[in-house]
C-alpha atoms as a PDB file:
ATOM      1  CA  MET A   1     171.592 217.503 -55.607  1.00  0.00           C
ATOM      2  CA  ARG A   2     169.084 216.474 -58.218  1.00  0.00           C
ATOM      3  CA  VAL A   3     165.968 218.560 -58.744  1.00  0.00           C
ATOM      4  CA  MET A   4     162.905 217.894 -60.864  1.00  0.00           C
ATOM      5  CA  VAL A   5     161.575 221.046 -62.451  1.00  0.00           C
ATOM      6  CA  ILE A   6     157.890 220.473 -63.190  1.00  0.00           C
ATOM      7  CA  VAL A   7     156.255 222.634 -65.856  1.00  0.00           C
ATOM      8  CA  LYS A   8     152.618 223.072 -64.865  1.00  0.00           C
ATOM      9  CA  SER A   9     150.016 222.814 -67.606  1.00  0.00           C
ATOM     10  CA  THR A  10     147.682 225.517 -68.899  1.00  0.00           C
ATOM     11  CA  LYS A  11     144.536 225.681 -71.034  1.00  0.00           C
ATOM     12  CA  ASN A  12     146.638 226.067 -74.185  1.00  0.00           C
ATOM     13  CA  ALA A  13     148.858 223.117 -73.322  1.00  0.00           C
ATOM     14  CA  GLU A  14     145.870 220.935 -72.422  1.00  0.00           C
ATOM     15  CA  SER A  15     144.217 221.871 -75.728  1.00  0.00           C
ATOM     16  CA  GLY A  16     147.223 220.453 -77.569  1.00  0.00           C
ATOM     17  CA  ARG A  17     148.561 223.823 -78.774  1.00  0.00           C
ATOM     18  CA  MET A  18     152.127 223.293 -79.912  1.00  0.00           C
ATOM     19  CA  PRO A  19     154.769 225.998 -79.440  1.00  0.00           C
ATOM     20  CA  SER A  20     155.702 228.321 -82.292  1.00  0.00           C
ATOM     21  CA  THR A  21     159.097 228.206 -83.980  1.00  0.00           C
ATOM     22  CA  GLU A  22     160.155 231.251 -81.970  1.00  0.00           C
ATOM     23  CA  GLU A  23     159.069 229.637 -78.698  1.00  0.00           C
ATOM     24  CA  LEU A  24     160.903 226.417 -79.593  1.00  0.00           C
ATOM     25  CA  GLN A  25     164.045 228.394 -80.444  1.00  0.00           C
ATOM     26  CA  ALA A  26     163.945 230.347 -77.163  1.00  0.00           C
ATOM     27  CA  MET A  27     163.525 227.168 -75.122  1.00  0.00           C
ATOM     28  CA  GLY A  28     166.214 225.437 -77.186  1.00  0.00           C
ATOM     29  CA  GLU A  29     168.665 228.242 -76.393  1.00  0.00           C
ATOM     30  CA  TYR A  30     167.807 227.967 -72.698  1.00  0.00           C
ATOM     31  CA  ASN A  31     168.271 224.177 -72.784  1.00  0.00           C
ATOM     32  CA  GLU A  32     171.618 224.699 -74.498  1.00  0.00           C
ATOM     33  CA  GLN A  33     172.721 226.970 -71.634  1.00  0.00           C
ATOM     34  CA  LEU A  34     171.631 224.317 -69.111  1.00  0.00           C
ATOM     35  CA  VAL A  35     173.563 221.599 -70.951  1.00  0.00           C
ATOM     36  CA  LYS A  36     176.724 223.703 -71.350  1.00  0.00           C
ATOM     37  CA  ALA A  37     176.613 224.541 -67.625  1.00  0.00           C
ATOM     38  CA  GLY A  38     176.334 220.834 -66.758  1.00  0.00           C
ATOM     39  CA  ILE A  39     172.937 221.377 -65.087  1.00  0.00           C
ATOM     40  CA  MET A  40     170.495 219.516 -67.349  1.00  0.00           C
ATOM     41  CA  VAL A  41     170.259 215.746 -66.978  1.00  0.00           C
ATOM     42  CA  THR A  42     167.134 215.351 -69.114  1.00  0.00           C
ATOM     43  CA  GLY A  43     163.919 217.132 -70.012  1.00  0.00           C
ATOM     44  CA  GLU A  44     160.777 216.416 -71.981  1.00  0.00           C
ATOM     45  CA  GLY A  45     157.402 217.864 -72.834  1.00  0.00           C
ATOM     46  CA  LEU A  46     154.294 215.792 -72.230  1.00  0.00           C
ATOM     47  CA  LYS A  47     151.134 215.370 -74.280  1.00  0.00           C
ATOM     48  CA  PRO A  48     147.904 216.781 -72.801  1.00  0.00           C
ATOM     49  CA  SER A  49     146.328 214.841 -69.947  1.00  0.00           C
ATOM     50  CA  ALA A  50     143.589 213.671 -72.362  1.00  0.00           C
ATOM     51  CA  ALA A  51     146.206 211.275 -73.765  1.00  0.00           C
ATOM     52  CA  GLY A  52     147.031 209.914 -70.316  1.00  0.00           C
ATOM     53  CA  ALA A  53     145.651 207.609 -67.667  1.00  0.00           C
ATOM     54  CA  ARG A  54     145.787 207.338 -63.878  1.00  0.00           C
ATOM     55  CA  VAL A  55     146.024 204.111 -61.967  1.00  0.00           C
ATOM     56  CA  ARG A  56     144.678 204.449 -58.425  1.00  0.00           C
ATOM     57  CA  PHE A  57     145.400 202.064 -55.573  1.00  0.00           C
ATOM     58  CA  LYS A  58     143.214 201.863 -52.488  1.00  0.00           C
ATOM     59  CA  GLY A  59     143.937 198.846 -50.356  1.00  0.00           C
ATOM     60  CA  ASP A  60     143.632 195.874 -52.689  1.00  0.00           C
ATOM     61  CA  ALA A  61     141.427 197.769 -55.161  1.00  0.00           C
ATOM     62  CA  LEU A  62     142.857 199.201 -58.354  1.00  0.00           C
ATOM     63  CA  THR A  63     141.056 201.545 -60.755  1.00  0.00           C
ATOM     64  CA  VAL A  64     142.089 203.145 -64.021  1.00  0.00           C
ATOM     65  CA  GLU A  65     140.928 206.624 -65.059  1.00  0.00           C
ATOM     66  CA  HIS A  66     141.496 208.061 -68.509  1.00  0.00           C
ATOM     67  CA  GLY A  67     142.175 211.771 -69.040  1.00  0.00           C
ATOM     68  CA  PRO A  68     141.613 214.604 -69.384  1.00  0.00           C
ATOM     69  CA  PHE A  69     142.201 215.539 -65.771  1.00  0.00           C
ATOM     70  CA  THR A  70     141.326 218.684 -63.860  1.00  0.00           C
ATOM     71  CA  PRO A  71     142.147 221.175 -62.588  1.00  0.00           C
ATOM     72  CA  VAL A  72     144.303 222.166 -65.554  1.00  0.00           C
ATOM     73  CA  GLY A  73     146.907 224.050 -63.493  1.00  0.00           C
ATOM     74  CA  GLU A  74     147.629 220.942 -61.429  1.00  0.00           C
ATOM     75  CA  GLN A  75     148.591 218.878 -64.473  1.00  0.00           C
ATOM     76  CA  VAL A  76     152.169 218.467 -65.703  1.00  0.00           C
ATOM     77  CA  ALA A  77     153.049 219.702 -69.200  1.00  0.00           C
ATOM     78  CA  GLY A  78     156.737 218.814 -69.054  1.00  0.00           C
ATOM     79  CA  PHE A  79     159.790 218.481 -66.866  1.00  0.00           C
ATOM     80  CA  TRP A  80     163.538 218.778 -66.535  1.00  0.00           C
ATOM     81  CA  ILE A  81     165.858 216.953 -64.223  1.00  0.00           C
ATOM     82  CA  TRP A  82     168.759 219.128 -63.139  1.00  0.00           C
ATOM     83  CA  GLU A  83     171.912 218.433 -61.171  1.00  0.00           C
ATOM     84  CA  VAL A  84     172.641 221.505 -59.033  1.00  0.00           C
ATOM     85  CA  ALA A  85     174.598 222.404 -55.928  1.00  0.00           C
ATOM     86  CA  SER A  86     171.575 223.783 -54.058  1.00  0.00           C
ATOM     87  CA  MET A  87     167.945 224.857 -54.308  1.00  0.00           C
ATOM     88  CA  ASP A  88     169.205 228.440 -54.579  1.00  0.00           C
ATOM     89  CA  GLU A  89     171.102 227.492 -57.738  1.00  0.00           C
ATOM     90  CA  ALA A  90     168.022 225.717 -59.134  1.00  0.00           C
ATOM     91  CA  ILE A  91     165.877 228.779 -58.453  1.00  0.00           C
ATOM     92  CA  ALA A  92     168.465 231.005 -60.138  1.00  0.00           C
ATOM     93  CA  TRP A  93     168.320 228.831 -63.270  1.00  0.00           C
ATOM     94  CA  ALA A  94     164.504 228.726 -63.182  1.00  0.00           C
ATOM     95  CA  ARG A  95     164.430 232.537 -63.095  1.00  0.00           C
ATOM     96  CA  ARG A  96     166.336 232.545 -66.409  1.00  0.00           C
ATOM     97  CA  CYS A  97     163.771 230.317 -68.140  1.00  0.00           C
ATOM     98  CA  PRO A  98     161.763 231.834 -70.985  1.00  0.00           C
ATOM     99  CA  SER A  99     158.048 231.713 -70.239  1.00  0.00           C
ATOM    100  CA  PRO A 100     157.096 228.043 -70.634  1.00  0.00           C
ATOM    101  CA  MET A 101     153.500 229.051 -71.466  1.00  0.00           C
ATOM    102  CA  PRO A 102     153.607 232.301 -73.484  1.00  0.00           C
ATOM    103  CA  GLY A 103     150.387 234.293 -73.196  1.00  0.00           C
ATOM    104  CA  GLU A 104     149.349 232.421 -70.041  1.00  0.00           C
ATOM    105  CA  GLU A 105     150.605 232.220 -66.489  1.00  0.00           C
ATOM    106  CA  GLY A 106     153.483 229.742 -66.542  1.00  0.00           C
ATOM    107  CA  VAL A 107     154.508 227.905 -63.381  1.00  0.00           C
ATOM    108  CA  LEU A 108     157.671 225.930 -62.672  1.00  0.00           C
ATOM    109  CA  GLU A 109     157.653 223.777 -59.545  1.00  0.00           C
ATOM    110  CA  LEU A 110     161.074 222.735 -58.253  1.00  0.00           C
ATOM    111  CA  ARG A 111     161.264 219.560 -56.196  1.00  0.00           C
ATOM    112  CA  PRO A 112     164.449 217.970 -54.845  1.00  0.00           C
ATOM    113  CA  PHE A 113     164.870 214.232 -55.235  1.00  0.00           C
ATOM    114  CA  VAL A 114     164.933 212.003 -52.182  1.00  0.00           C
ATOM    115  CA  GLU A 115     168.527 210.887 -51.605  1.00  0.00           C
ATOM    116  CA  ALA A 116     169.743 207.670 -49.985  1.00  0.00           C
ATOM    117  CA  ALA A 117     170.602 209.452 -46.721  1.00  0.00           C
ATOM    118  CA  ASP A 118     166.981 210.596 -46.393  1.00  0.00           C
ATOM    119  CA  PHE A 119     165.873 206.988 -45.747  1.00  0.00           C
ATOM    120  CA  GLY A 120     167.997 206.604 -42.618  1.00  0.00           C
ATOM    121  CA  ASP A 121     168.326 203.073 -41.215  1.00  0.00           C
ATOM    122  CA  ALA A 122     165.741 201.692 -43.680  1.00  0.00           C
ATOM    123  CA  TYR A 123     168.344 202.069 -46.447  1.00  0.00           C
ATOM    124  CA  THR A 124     170.277 198.906 -45.638  1.00  0.00           C
ATOM    125  CA  ASP A 125     173.325 197.513 -47.422  1.00  0.00           C
ATOM    126  CA  GLU A 126     171.016 195.056 -49.207  1.00  0.00           C
ATOM    127  CA  VAL A 127     168.775 197.855 -50.475  1.00  0.00           C
ATOM    128  CA  ARG A 128     171.840 199.859 -51.584  1.00  0.00           C
ATOM    129  CA  GLU A 129     173.252 196.833 -53.450  1.00  0.00           C
ATOM    130  CA  GLN A 130     169.926 196.287 -55.215  1.00  0.00           C
ATOM    131  CA  GLU A 131     169.789 199.974 -56.240  1.00  0.00           C
ATOM    132  CA  ASP A 132     173.358 199.771 -57.553  1.00  0.00           C
ATOM    133  CA  ARG A 133     172.546 196.637 -59.589  1.00  0.00           C
ATOM    134  CA  LEU A 134     169.479 198.325 -61.089  1.00  0.00           C
ATOM    135  CA  ARG A 135     171.478 201.435 -62.064  1.00  0.00           C
ATOM    136  CA  VAL A 136     174.064 199.257 -63.822  1.00  0.00           C
ATOM    137  CA  GLU A 137     171.309 197.339 -65.633  1.00  0.00           C
ATOM    138  CA  LEU A 138     169.583 200.569 -66.737  1.00  0.00           C
ATOM    139  CA  GLU A 139     172.846 201.953 -68.111  1.00  0.00           C
ATOM    140  CA  SER A 140     173.470 198.671 -69.934  1.00  0.00           C
ATOM    141  CA  GLN A 141     169.988 198.791 -71.455  1.00  0.00           C
ATOM    142  CA  LYS A 142     170.543 202.385 -72.636  1.00  0.00           C
ATOM    143  CA  ARG A 143     173.803 201.454 -74.335  1.00  0.00           C
ATOM    144  CA  GLY A 144     172.165 198.440 -75.987  1.00  0.00           C
ATOM    145  CA  ALA A 145     169.183 200.415 -77.307  1.00  0.00           C
END
């Protein structure tokens, strides 16, 4: 199963504070363990919400809001995508993580991806074929980049 591990933001992260060398090394060692175990698919840190925007849809209306956004603890500072056998395995790996926000309360939120079977009858052969074509195209684009 695939799981997104969401690193919740903090005041320091929203202020643009970058991690120290020691913090980068600790997280790098953790990421190396994830990669060697075949767990980590990808992961990235995000700039503060002040650098972002939200696009809201309500009926036919569309609005754009520019950051920063509040409350701080509900913002996303980074993420991983992991491939694990179960939520229990994901939680076990999350427990090994060095504090993502040293000096502040760090929060990791683990959310499983929706899988094809979750859609039931709505996931028709046509929808599956389209998804397969898009995956092939994305892989082709990555190789060409």
